[in-house]
Amino acid sequence: MKLTLVCLNAKYVHASIAPWCLKAGVEKYSPNTLVRVVEATVNEKEEAVLERILEEDFELIGFCTYIWNYNSVKSLVKKIKNVLPQTSIVLGGPEVGFDIQNTFDEIAECDFLISGAGEMPLGLLCKALEDKSGFDKVPALYTRSSAPRVKAVELEMPSPYCDEYLEKLNGRMAYIETMRGCPNKCAFCVSGREEGLVFFDMERVKRDILLVANSSAKTVKFVDRSFNAKNSRAVEIIEFIIRSRGECYPKDVCFHFELEAMMLSDELTELFCSAPQGLFRLEVGIQSFNEKTLSALSRRCDEKKLCERVKRLCSCKALTVHLDLIAGLVYEDLESFADSFNKTFALSPDELQLGFLKLLKGTSVREDRDSFPCEYAKEPPYEVQSTPWLNGEELALLRRVAMCVEKLFNSHRFEVSLKEALKLSRTPFDFFCEFASFSGIRHGMSLDDLSDTFYSYLLNKGYDPQCARDVLVMDRLAVGADRLSLLLKQADTLRLKPKSIVKKYFGEPDGRRGAAVLYSKGLVAFCDYDNGRFCKKDPISARYELFFCNLKA
């Protein structure tokens, strides 16, 4: 028996473990099956991907399906069946597991569907095909004529970290899981749909951590939906990672976790905050501060406790803390969303993601139309288009705001300028709305375009032109872009030679040096790059530290 497993990732940097988990499951339950994994991205030419899939004649081809690759999978399946009509096709993953009949209707060439965890079902399917026996004993498997089957219960998931996977990482982001399921039942998510949590064996988890941390990956992302669902277990894992750093794996590896703020213990918080700088990146889903919204979504929230716990994490400069909000939720209008945004911004995260509700298959927000009367796109990713509380025009504004947040705040390119600009608006949300409207923000805007637009915005708000030019110059130096943009050059009227001034104070640079005159302060600001004598780069923001000397040497 021969099986090809195909996974189309959203980007090359994402090295999904899904096909490798399935490969391990097949090798456990159908040891005579030969398994081949084909990885690609949705951005590759379909003909090239199809050619790789069809390099060898395999009897069964399986696809891992998600919102980002469902349309590509549909197209590839049709073309495979045209070339190899006798080859069986099996699909699994969240995009098909909750919508069995519609998937069979949409993809006539599909022979089998698997719902939920696929390691055991796929392995037993391969065994049944090899033995030419029936499929009655294969859990969670659907054929066009079969009745619903019991779900697969697998308590000892085989590790996906074979030599082939580790070799193919090639510096990409690695993924790891220590548990399956979620303690929450959020209406917009499928993770908590299955009852109960399954925790992997702790010794196996520690072995897997060291395997991926010693691969070429520089970022290891835990895919556990609520890593701290059991705090004592989370503490043991974090202690192991900290203790092993530099001895059992390289110091430059970063670990990424999704945390449940309301379940965060003081012990775990202190442990994160005591870690070496750059070791941990934390993601916390706030989603909304509207109590009525959260109640309708089945989310627990004590605002005071949540803010205290999250602010403690955000105040620790050793961590990167990423907070999430979702626009388009029930009962949240523009005023309510602005309140959620401002409260989240006040927690001082390193990054703030403004996402938009996706009405995923299998979620309550999609299935319960009376409780969640949202209009959404009928094609993946099923993003919200309007609600009774937010119309399409308001959602369009929020999409522009999201882009501004990404380019101005999350990028860390405008920290000095942004601090000044925020003083000119009543609230952070007001600023981002104003800038979105003023700038005509769009994808593909260069750093020069953004710098010049920011400069014009500050002048429009009545900010002193020389001060506006200087704060933007400091930001450009700090991100390594020491060449001035067009408007900033025009504002540099005296045309002094700042590098010569710095040289008189501090001597020749060891490498590349950026310097500029700050006329409003009577100073010269400079940064050294390329590991120069004054080169200090923040591992969290990737900004270089600014140094100053008097204008008159």
Protein backbone atom coordinates (compact mmCIF):
# COMPACT_ATOMS: atom_id res chain seq x y z
CA MET A 1 0.00 0.00 0.00
CA LYS A 2 1.34 3.45 -0.97
CA LEU A 3 0.06 6.80 0.37
CA THR A 4 0.93 10.38 -0.61
CA LEU A 5 0.10 13.06 1.96
CA VAL A 6 -0.21 16.63 0.66
CA CYS A 7 -0.17 19.81 2.74
CA LEU A 8 -0.45 23.25 1.13
CA ASN A 9 0.86 25.78 3.65
CA ALA A 10 -0.08 29.47 3.59
CA LYS A 11 3.61 30.45 3.37
CA TYR A 12 6.90 28.66 2.95
CA VAL A 13 8.00 29.63 6.47
CA HIS A 14 5.14 27.58 7.96
CA ALA A 15 6.29 23.98 8.33
CA SER A 16 3.01 22.30 9.30
CA ILE A 17 3.31 19.14 11.40
CA ALA A 18 -0.11 17.86 10.26
CA PRO A 19 1.12 15.56 7.45
CA TRP A 20 3.93 14.29 9.65
CA CYS A 21 1.51 13.47 12.48
CA LEU A 22 -0.57 11.54 9.95
CA LYS A 23 2.52 9.80 8.60
CA ALA A 24 3.42 8.66 12.12
CA GLY A 25 -0.14 7.42 12.65
CA VAL A 26 -0.16 5.43 9.43
CA GLU A 27 3.17 3.84 10.28
CA LYS A 28 1.74 2.83 13.65
CA TYR A 29 -1.57 1.36 12.44
CA SER A 30 -0.58 0.22 8.97
CA PRO A 31 3.15 -0.58 9.16
CA ASN A 32 3.31 -2.00 5.63
CA THR A 33 2.13 1.26 4.04
CA LEU A 34 4.76 3.40 2.31
CA VAL A 35 4.09 7.08 3.11
CA ARG A 36 5.35 10.03 1.10
CA VAL A 37 4.83 13.68 2.16
CA VAL A 38 4.51 16.48 -0.39
CA GLU A 39 4.72 20.01 1.00
CA ALA A 40 3.89 23.11 -1.02
CA THR A 41 2.31 26.54 -0.57
CA VAL A 42 -0.88 28.04 -1.96
CA ASN A 43 1.28 30.63 -3.73
CA GLU A 44 3.06 28.10 -5.94
CA LYS A 45 1.90 27.43 -9.47
CA GLU A 46 -0.68 24.66 -9.43
CA GLU A 47 0.98 22.83 -12.33
CA ALA A 48 4.25 22.59 -10.41
CA VAL A 49 2.50 21.25 -7.29
CA LEU A 50 0.50 18.75 -9.34
CA GLU A 51 3.67 17.51 -11.00
CA ARG A 52 5.27 16.83 -7.62
CA ILE A 53 2.20 14.97 -6.37
CA LEU A 54 2.14 12.77 -9.46
CA GLU A 55 5.88 12.02 -9.52
CA GLU A 56 5.07 8.53 -8.23
CA ASP A 57 1.98 6.38 -8.74
CA PHE A 58 0.43 6.00 -5.27
CA GLU A 59 -2.86 4.25 -4.55
CA LEU A 60 -4.17 6.79 -2.02
CA ILE A 61 -3.64 10.55 -1.88
CA GLY A 62 -4.60 12.51 1.23
CA PHE A 63 -4.98 16.27 1.68
CA CYS A 64 -4.86 18.34 4.89
CA THR A 65 -7.55 20.98 4.32
CA TYR A 66 -7.86 24.43 5.92
CA ILE A 67 -9.56 27.72 5.06
CA TRP A 68 -6.42 28.99 3.30
CA ASN A 69 -6.02 26.01 0.97
CA TYR A 70 -9.52 24.58 0.44
CA ASN A 71 -10.03 26.07 -3.03
CA SER A 72 -6.57 24.93 -4.12
CA VAL A 73 -7.27 21.42 -2.81
CA LYS A 74 -10.56 21.27 -4.73
CA SER A 75 -8.83 22.17 -7.97
CA LEU A 76 -5.93 19.72 -7.45
CA VAL A 77 -8.26 16.83 -6.58
CA LYS A 78 -10.21 17.28 -9.82
CA LYS A 79 -7.02 17.32 -11.90
CA ILE A 80 -5.57 14.28 -10.11
CA LYS A 81 -8.71 12.26 -10.83
CA ASN A 82 -8.57 13.26 -14.49
CA VAL A 83 -5.05 11.83 -14.74
CA LEU A 84 -5.39 8.92 -12.27
CA PRO A 85 -9.09 7.98 -12.05
CA GLN A 86 -8.32 4.78 -10.08
CA THR A 87 -6.44 6.62 -7.32
CA SER A 88 -8.47 7.11 -4.14
CA ILE A 89 -8.67 10.54 -2.52
CA VAL A 90 -9.10 11.17 1.23
CA LEU A 91 -9.56 14.59 2.80
CA GLY A 92 -9.29 15.62 6.43
CA GLY A 93 -8.82 18.75 8.49
CA PRO A 94 -11.08 21.43 9.99
CA GLU A 95 -12.34 22.69 6.63
CA VAL A 96 -14.03 19.38 5.79
CA GLY A 97 -14.45 17.59 9.12
CA PHE A 98 -17.48 19.64 10.15
CA ASP A 99 -19.17 19.76 6.76
CA ILE A 100 -19.21 16.19 5.46
CA GLN A 101 -22.15 16.19 3.04
CA ASN A 102 -21.40 19.57 1.50
CA THR A 103 -17.79 18.54 0.93
CA PHE A 104 -18.87 15.38 -0.88
CA ASP A 105 -21.25 17.50 -2.95
CA GLU A 106 -18.61 20.11 -3.80
CA ILE A 107 -15.80 17.64 -4.52
CA ALA A 108 -17.31 14.79 -6.51
CA GLU A 109 -13.87 13.21 -6.91
CA CYS A 110 -13.38 12.73 -3.15
CA ASP A 111 -13.72 9.09 -1.96
CA PHE A 112 -13.20 9.41 1.82
CA LEU A 113 -13.48 12.07 4.51
CA ILE A 114 -12.04 11.95 8.02
CA SER A 115 -13.48 14.06 10.83
CA GLY A 116 -11.29 15.06 13.79
CA ALA A 117 -7.88 13.65 14.69
CA GLY A 118 -6.70 11.60 11.74
CA GLU A 119 -3.75 9.50 12.86
CA MET A 120 -5.73 6.38 13.76
CA PRO A 121 -8.48 6.66 11.10
CA LEU A 122 -6.03 7.20 8.25
CA GLY A 123 -3.82 4.35 9.43
CA LEU A 124 -6.78 1.98 9.69
CA LEU A 125 -8.08 3.14 6.29
CA CYS A 126 -4.74 2.26 4.70
CA LYS A 127 -4.83 -1.13 6.44
CA ALA A 128 -8.37 -1.79 5.18
CA LEU A 129 -7.41 -0.84 1.61
CA GLU A 130 -4.32 -3.04 1.81
CA ASP A 131 -6.32 -6.01 3.14
CA LYS A 132 -9.21 -5.26 0.75
CA SER A 133 -11.54 -5.42 3.75
CA GLY A 134 -14.46 -3.19 4.69
CA PHE A 135 -14.31 0.16 6.46
CA ASP A 136 -16.74 -0.64 9.28
CA LYS A 137 -14.03 -0.62 11.94
CA VAL A 138 -12.43 2.64 10.85
CA PRO A 139 -13.54 5.40 13.29
CA ALA A 140 -14.36 8.93 12.11
CA LEU A 141 -14.26 7.81 8.46
CA TYR A 142 -16.99 8.77 6.00
CA THR A 143 -17.69 7.43 2.54
CA ARG A 144 -20.49 8.62 0.27
CA SER A 145 -22.70 5.79 1.46
CA SER A 146 -21.65 5.43 5.09
CA ALA A 147 -23.53 6.51 8.21
CA PRO A 148 -21.75 8.72 10.77
CA ARG A 149 -19.08 6.82 12.65
CA VAL A 150 -17.80 7.16 16.20
CA LYS A 151 -14.91 9.56 16.64
CA ALA A 152 -11.37 8.29 16.99
CA VAL A 153 -10.02 8.22 20.55
CA GLU A 154 -6.24 8.16 20.54
CA LEU A 155 -4.53 8.67 23.88
CA GLU A 156 -0.95 7.98 22.76
CA MET A 157 -0.31 10.12 19.71
CA PRO A 158 2.86 9.01 17.91
CA SER A 159 5.51 11.70 17.59
CA PRO A 160 5.73 13.34 14.14
CA TYR A 161 9.39 14.26 14.49
CA CYS A 162 11.08 11.85 12.14
CA ASP A 163 14.46 12.63 10.59
CA GLU A 164 12.83 13.59 7.29
CA TYR A 165 10.69 16.30 8.91
CA LEU A 166 13.61 17.76 10.88
CA GLU A 167 15.77 17.84 7.76
CA LYS A 168 13.06 19.58 5.73
CA LEU A 169 12.57 22.35 8.28
CA ASN A 170 15.47 24.23 6.69
CA GLY A 171 15.19 27.20 9.06
CA ARG A 172 11.41 27.50 8.89
CA MET A 173 9.11 27.90 11.89
CA ALA A 174 8.61 24.56 13.65
CA TYR A 175 5.36 23.53 15.33
CA ILE A 176 4.80 21.39 18.39
CA GLU A 177 1.79 20.31 20.45
CA THR A 178 1.61 19.05 24.01
CA MET A 179 -2.16 18.59 24.22
CA ARG A 180 -5.33 18.48 22.13
CA GLY A 181 -8.64 20.13 22.79
CA CYS A 182 -9.47 23.38 24.57
CA PRO A 183 -11.09 24.11 27.95
CA ASN A 184 -13.11 26.94 26.39
CA LYS A 185 -16.20 26.73 24.17
CA CYS A 186 -15.93 29.99 22.28
CA ALA A 187 -18.69 30.40 19.70
CA PHE A 188 -16.27 31.49 16.94
CA CYS A 189 -13.79 28.60 17.33
CA VAL A 190 -13.87 24.83 16.71
CA SER A 191 -11.04 23.96 19.11
CA GLY A 192 -13.33 23.43 22.09
CA ARG A 193 -15.99 21.53 20.16
CA GLU A 194 -14.66 18.12 21.19
CA GLU A 195 -15.28 17.11 24.78
CA GLY A 196 -12.32 16.79 27.12
CA LEU A 197 -8.60 17.49 26.87
CA VAL A 198 -5.88 15.02 25.92
CA PHE A 199 -2.44 15.75 27.41
CA PHE A 200 0.59 14.11 25.84
CA ASP A 201 3.10 12.19 27.94
CA MET A 202 5.46 14.69 29.57
CA GLU A 203 8.67 12.82 28.78
CA ARG A 204 7.63 12.57 25.13
CA VAL A 205 6.90 16.34 25.16
CA LYS A 206 10.37 17.13 26.51
CA ARG A 207 12.03 14.89 23.90
CA ASP A 208 10.05 16.59 21.13
CA ILE A 209 10.99 20.06 22.40
CA LEU A 210 14.68 19.22 22.22
CA LEU A 211 14.32 17.65 18.79
CA VAL A 212 12.77 20.73 17.20
CA ALA A 213 14.88 23.19 19.21
CA ASN A 214 18.01 21.47 17.88
CA SER A 215 16.78 21.53 14.30
CA SER A 216 17.46 24.57 12.12
CA ALA A 217 14.27 26.31 13.33
CA LYS A 218 14.72 29.59 15.17
CA THR A 219 11.06 29.79 16.26
CA VAL A 220 9.15 26.89 17.82
CA LYS A 221 5.41 27.55 18.01
CA PHE A 222 3.21 25.56 20.37
CA VAL A 223 -0.12 24.91 18.65
CA ASP A 224 -1.92 24.18 21.94
CA ARG A 225 -4.99 26.45 21.92
CA SER A 226 -4.66 27.16 25.66
CA PHE A 227 -1.14 26.22 26.69
CA ASN A 228 -1.86 26.95 30.36
CA ALA A 229 -5.06 24.88 30.56
CA LYS A 230 -3.25 23.03 33.34
CA ASN A 231 -0.90 25.47 35.04
CA SER A 232 1.24 22.91 36.87
CA ARG A 233 1.97 21.19 33.58
CA ALA A 234 2.72 24.51 31.84
CA VAL A 235 5.12 25.44 34.65
CA GLU A 236 7.01 22.16 34.25
CA ILE A 237 7.42 22.72 30.51
CA ILE A 238 8.57 26.33 30.88
CA GLU A 239 11.04 25.39 33.63
CA PHE A 240 12.42 22.66 31.36
CA ILE A 241 12.86 25.09 28.45
CA ILE A 242 14.62 27.68 30.61
CA ARG A 243 16.82 25.08 32.30
CA SER A 244 17.82 23.47 28.99
CA ARG A 245 18.64 26.68 27.13
CA GLY A 246 22.24 26.91 26.05
CA GLU A 247 23.05 23.41 27.30
CA CYS A 248 20.61 21.15 25.46
CA TYR A 249 19.67 23.49 22.59
CA PRO A 250 21.00 26.80 21.11
CA LYS A 251 20.34 30.10 22.88
CA ASP A 252 18.88 31.82 19.81
CA VAL A 253 15.68 29.69 19.67
CA CYS A 254 12.40 31.44 20.56
CA PHE A 255 9.28 29.63 21.81
CA HIS A 256 5.76 30.89 21.03
CA PHE A 257 2.67 30.10 23.16
CA GLU A 258 -1.04 30.92 23.14
CA LEU A 259 -2.22 31.64 26.68
CA GLU A 260 -5.62 31.84 28.35
CA ALA A 261 -5.37 35.02 30.44
CA MET A 262 -8.14 34.11 32.89
CA MET A 263 -6.34 30.85 33.75
CA LEU A 264 -2.90 32.40 34.16
CA SER A 265 -1.36 31.65 37.55
CA ASP A 266 1.03 33.94 39.43
CA GLU A 267 3.65 31.19 39.39
CA LEU A 268 3.56 30.85 35.60
CA THR A 269 3.56 34.63 35.14
CA GLU A 270 6.64 35.05 37.32
CA LEU A 271 8.37 32.22 35.49
CA PHE A 272 7.79 33.87 32.11
CA CYS A 273 9.00 37.20 33.43
CA SER A 274 12.19 35.67 34.86
CA ALA A 275 13.17 34.12 31.52
CA PRO A 276 16.09 35.34 29.41
CA GLN A 277 15.21 38.11 26.98
CA GLY A 278 13.87 36.89 23.66
CA LEU A 279 13.23 33.32 24.76
CA PHE A 280 9.42 33.53 24.85
CA ARG A 281 6.75 35.07 22.66
CA LEU A 282 3.23 35.05 24.14
CA GLU A 283 -0.11 35.45 22.39
CA VAL A 284 -3.21 36.30 24.41
CA GLY A 285 -6.70 36.53 22.94
CA ILE A 286 -8.59 39.49 24.41
CA GLN A 287 -11.18 39.60 21.56
CA SER A 288 -13.47 42.13 23.29
CA PHE A 289 -14.18 43.89 26.57
CA ASN A 290 -17.92 44.12 25.91
CA GLU A 291 -19.53 41.98 28.63
CA LYS A 292 -22.67 41.25 26.60
CA THR A 293 -20.54 40.20 23.63
CA LEU A 294 -18.34 37.90 25.69
CA SER A 295 -21.34 36.29 27.35
CA ALA A 296 -22.95 35.55 23.98
CA LEU A 297 -19.65 34.00 22.80
CA SER A 298 -19.37 31.78 25.91
CA ARG A 299 -16.13 33.48 26.97
CA ARG A 300 -15.23 34.06 30.58
CA CYS A 301 -13.83 37.44 31.55
CA ASP A 302 -13.22 39.31 34.77
CA GLU A 303 -11.96 42.57 33.27
CA LYS A 304 -10.01 43.70 36.32
CA LYS A 305 -8.23 40.37 36.79
CA LEU A 306 -7.57 39.97 33.07
CA CYS A 307 -6.04 43.43 32.78
CA GLU A 308 -3.88 42.94 35.87
CA ARG A 309 -2.50 39.64 34.57
CA VAL A 310 -1.93 40.78 31.00
CA LYS A 311 -0.40 44.10 32.03
CA ARG A 312 2.07 42.21 34.23
CA LEU A 313 3.18 40.19 31.20
CA CYS A 314 3.35 43.28 28.97
CA SER A 315 5.49 45.15 31.52
CA CYS A 316 8.17 42.48 31.35
CA LYS A 317 10.67 43.58 28.72
CA ALA A 318 12.10 40.08 28.35
CA LEU A 319 8.91 38.94 26.60
CA THR A 320 7.17 39.69 23.34
CA VAL A 321 3.44 39.91 24.10
CA HIS A 322 0.92 39.85 21.25
CA LEU A 323 -2.74 40.67 22.02
CA ASP A 324 -5.71 39.88 19.75
CA LEU A 325 -8.99 41.69 19.15
CA ILE A 326 -11.79 40.54 16.84
CA ALA A 327 -13.96 43.00 14.92
CA GLY A 328 -17.47 42.02 13.83
CA LEU A 329 -18.61 40.24 16.99
CA VAL A 330 -22.23 40.33 18.16
CA TYR A 331 -23.42 43.38 20.10
CA GLU A 332 -20.23 45.29 19.33
CA ASP A 333 -20.75 48.51 17.41
CA LEU A 334 -18.05 51.05 16.50
CA GLU A 335 -18.20 52.76 19.89
CA SER A 336 -17.96 49.43 21.74
CA PHE A 337 -15.08 48.28 19.57
CA ALA A 338 -13.27 51.57 20.14
CA ASP A 339 -13.58 50.98 23.90
CA SER A 340 -12.15 47.44 23.55
CA PHE A 341 -9.32 48.77 21.37
CA ASN A 342 -8.35 51.57 23.77
CA LYS A 343 -8.41 49.28 26.80
CA THR A 344 -6.25 46.72 25.00
CA PHE A 345 -3.82 49.39 23.76
CA ALA A 346 -3.51 50.69 27.34
CA LEU A 347 -2.09 47.30 28.39
CA SER A 348 1.05 48.23 26.39
CA PRO A 349 1.49 45.06 24.32
CA ASP A 350 4.40 44.67 21.92
CA GLU A 351 1.90 43.86 19.17
CA LEU A 352 -1.84 44.29 18.78
CA GLN A 353 -3.63 42.32 16.09
CA LEU A 354 -6.97 43.61 14.91
CA GLY A 355 -8.56 40.56 13.30
CA PHE A 356 -11.99 40.08 11.76
CA LEU A 357 -14.58 37.47 12.64
CA LYS A 358 -14.44 34.41 10.43
CA LEU A 359 -17.57 32.28 10.44
CA LEU A 360 -15.82 28.92 10.29
CA LYS A 361 -17.54 25.65 9.56
CA GLY A 362 -18.52 23.88 12.75
CA THR A 363 -18.76 27.05 14.87
CA SER A 364 -21.84 28.40 16.62
CA VAL A 365 -21.48 31.81 14.98
CA ARG A 366 -22.02 30.10 11.63
CA GLU A 367 -24.60 27.49 12.59
CA ASP A 368 -26.82 29.55 14.94
CA ARG A 369 -28.06 32.26 12.60
CA ASP A 370 -30.64 33.57 15.08
CA SER A 371 -28.08 34.28 17.79
CA PHE A 372 -25.39 35.46 15.37
CA PRO A 373 -27.09 37.30 12.48
CA CYS A 374 -23.93 38.17 10.56
CA GLU A 375 -23.43 38.44 6.80
CA TYR A 376 -20.21 36.79 5.68
CA ALA A 377 -18.29 35.86 2.55
CA LYS A 378 -19.34 32.48 1.15
CA GLU A 379 -15.77 31.65 0.11
CA PRO A 380 -12.93 30.90 2.55
CA PRO A 381 -11.94 32.47 4.91
CA TYR A 382 -15.67 33.33 5.43
CA GLU A 383 -14.90 36.78 6.82
CA VAL A 384 -17.67 38.94 8.25
CA GLN A 385 -19.10 41.54 5.83
CA SER A 386 -21.70 43.23 8.03
CA THR A 387 -23.61 42.79 11.27
CA PRO A 388 -26.65 44.51 12.80
CA TRP A 389 -24.12 46.53 14.84
CA LEU A 390 -21.41 47.24 12.22
CA ASN A 391 -22.21 48.02 8.60
CA GLY A 392 -19.93 47.35 5.66
CA GLU A 393 -18.55 50.90 5.59
CA GLU A 394 -17.59 50.74 9.27
CA LEU A 395 -15.90 47.36 8.79
CA ALA A 396 -13.98 48.82 5.84
CA LEU A 397 -12.74 51.61 8.13
CA LEU A 398 -11.64 49.02 10.70
CA ARG A 399 -9.71 47.14 8.01
CA ARG A 400 -7.79 50.34 7.23
CA VAL A 401 -7.24 50.87 10.96
CA ALA A 402 -5.89 47.31 11.22
CA MET A 403 -3.41 48.08 8.44
CA CYS A 404 -2.28 51.25 10.22
CA VAL A 405 -1.79 49.35 13.48
CA GLU A 406 0.30 46.75 11.65
CA LYS A 407 2.49 49.24 9.80
CA LEU A 408 2.90 51.91 12.48
CA PHE A 409 2.68 50.03 15.79
CA ASN A 410 3.42 46.34 15.31
CA SER A 411 6.36 47.00 12.99
CA HIS A 412 8.11 49.07 15.72
CA ARG A 413 9.30 51.39 12.93
CA PHE A 414 7.61 54.52 14.30
CA GLU A 415 7.90 54.27 18.08
CA VAL A 416 9.14 57.83 18.68
CA SER A 417 6.83 59.42 16.10
CA LEU A 418 3.83 57.41 17.28
CA LYS A 419 4.36 58.47 20.88
CA GLU A 420 4.17 62.11 19.80
CA ALA A 421 1.24 61.59 17.43
CA LEU A 422 -0.86 59.88 20.09
CA LYS A 423 -0.64 63.06 22.19
CA LEU A 424 -2.49 64.91 19.43
CA SER A 425 -5.60 62.69 19.49
CA ARG A 426 -8.17 62.05 22.18
CA THR A 427 -7.63 58.26 22.20
CA PRO A 428 -5.38 55.75 20.41
CA PHE A 429 -8.37 54.52 18.41
CA ASP A 430 -9.13 58.09 17.30
CA PHE A 431 -5.54 58.49 16.10
CA PHE A 432 -5.55 55.31 14.03
CA CYS A 433 -8.92 56.21 12.49
CA GLU A 434 -7.65 59.72 11.64
CA PHE A 435 -4.41 58.42 10.17
CA ALA A 436 -6.25 55.75 8.16
CA SER A 437 -8.45 58.41 6.60
CA PHE A 438 -5.63 60.96 6.10
CA SER A 439 -3.07 58.57 4.65
CA GLY A 440 -5.16 56.49 2.26
CA ILE A 441 -3.25 53.58 3.76
CA ARG A 442 -2.74 50.69 1.36
CA HIS A 443 -0.80 47.46 0.98
CA GLY A 444 2.66 47.91 -0.45
CA MET A 445 3.38 51.37 0.99
CA SER A 446 7.15 51.74 1.37
CA LEU A 447 8.89 53.02 4.47
CA ASP A 448 9.62 56.26 2.60
CA ASP A 449 5.94 56.68 1.69
CA LEU A 450 4.87 56.04 5.27
CA SER A 451 7.52 58.40 6.67
CA ASP A 452 6.50 61.22 4.35
CA THR A 453 2.80 60.64 5.02
CA PHE A 454 3.41 60.61 8.78
CA TYR A 455 5.36 63.88 8.46
CA SER A 456 2.49 65.47 6.53
CA TYR A 457 -0.01 64.17 9.09
CA LEU A 458 1.91 65.76 11.96
CA LEU A 459 2.07 69.10 10.14
CA ASN A 460 -1.66 68.87 9.42
CA LYS A 461 -2.27 68.43 13.16
CA GLY A 462 -0.29 71.63 13.88
CA TYR A 463 2.90 69.93 15.06
CA ASP A 464 6.10 71.97 14.72
CA PRO A 465 7.72 71.10 11.34
CA GLN A 466 11.24 70.83 12.74
CA CYS A 467 10.12 68.63 15.63
CA ALA A 468 8.09 66.47 13.23
CA ARG A 469 11.11 65.98 11.00
CA ASP A 470 13.35 65.13 13.97
CA VAL A 471 11.13 62.46 15.54
CA LEU A 472 10.81 60.70 12.19
CA VAL A 473 14.56 60.91 11.63
CA MET A 474 15.14 59.23 15.00
CA ASP A 475 12.81 56.41 14.00
CA ARG A 476 14.55 55.92 10.67
CA LEU A 477 17.95 55.72 12.33
CA ALA A 478 16.65 53.23 14.92
CA VAL A 479 15.38 50.80 12.28
CA GLY A 480 18.54 51.01 10.16
CA ALA A 481 17.08 53.22 7.44
CA ASP A 482 19.49 56.15 7.79
CA ARG A 483 18.85 57.50 4.26
CA LEU A 484 16.20 60.21 4.54
CA SER A 485 12.97 60.18 2.55
CA LEU A 486 12.09 63.02 0.16
CA LEU A 487 10.13 65.24 2.56
CA LEU A 488 12.57 64.69 5.41
CA LYS A 489 15.44 65.70 3.10
CA GLN A 490 13.63 68.89 2.16
CA ALA A 491 13.20 69.71 5.85
CA ASP A 492 16.95 69.23 6.42
CA THR A 493 17.75 72.82 5.45
CA LEU A 494 21.24 73.30 6.96
CA ARG A 495 22.76 70.21 5.34
CA LEU A 496 25.35 69.68 8.06
CA LYS A 497 27.58 66.63 8.11
CA PRO A 498 26.45 64.69 11.20
CA LYS A 499 28.80 61.73 10.71
CA SER A 500 31.78 64.06 10.84
CA ILE A 501 30.51 65.54 14.10
CA VAL A 502 30.07 62.09 15.65
CA LYS A 503 33.53 61.10 14.42
CA LYS A 504 35.10 64.04 16.27
CA TYR A 505 33.49 62.87 19.51
CA PHE A 506 33.81 59.09 19.17
CA GLY A 507 36.32 58.34 16.42
CA GLU A 508 35.97 56.18 13.34
CA PRO A 509 33.05 53.72 13.33
CA ASP A 510 33.76 49.97 13.32
CA GLY A 511 31.18 49.40 10.60
CA ARG A 512 28.18 51.13 9.06
CA ARG A 513 26.98 54.15 11.01
CA GLY A 514 23.84 56.22 10.64
CA ALA A 515 23.71 59.80 11.91
CA ALA A 516 21.46 62.85 11.57
CA VAL A 517 21.15 66.32 13.02
CA LEU A 518 18.19 66.95 15.33
CA TYR A 519 17.76 70.70 14.89
CA SER A 520 14.97 71.06 17.44
CA LYS A 521 17.22 69.57 20.13
CA GLY A 522 20.63 70.88 19.09
CA LEU A 523 21.94 67.33 19.00
CA VAL A 524 23.26 64.74 16.61
CA ALA A 525 21.63 61.31 16.88
CA PHE A 526 23.50 58.24 15.68
CA CYS A 527 23.41 54.44 15.61
CA ASP A 528 26.09 51.92 14.82
CA TYR A 529 25.08 48.90 12.80
CA ASP A 530 26.87 45.67 11.82
CA ASN A 531 28.12 44.99 15.36
CA GLY A 532 29.92 48.32 15.64
CA ARG A 533 31.16 49.73 18.92
CA PHE A 534 27.84 51.45 19.66
CA CYS A 535 25.65 48.75 18.10
CA LYS A 536 22.90 47.75 20.54
CA LYS A 537 19.87 46.07 19.00
CA ASP A 538 16.72 45.21 20.95
CA PRO A 539 15.84 41.54 20.28
CA ILE A 540 12.13 42.25 20.79
CA SER A 541 11.60 45.32 18.61
CA ALA A 542 14.70 44.89 16.38
CA ARG A 543 15.39 48.62 16.89
CA TYR A 544 18.92 49.95 17.34
CA GLU A 545 19.64 52.08 20.39
CA LEU A 546 20.10 55.79 19.64
CA PHE A 547 23.09 57.72 20.96
CA PHE A 548 23.46 61.50 21.04
CA CYS A 549 26.16 64.15 21.05
CA ASN A 550 26.12 67.94 20.98
CA LEU A 551 25.70 69.61 17.63
CA LYS A 552 28.76 71.79 18.10
CA ALA A 553 31.80 69.53 18.44
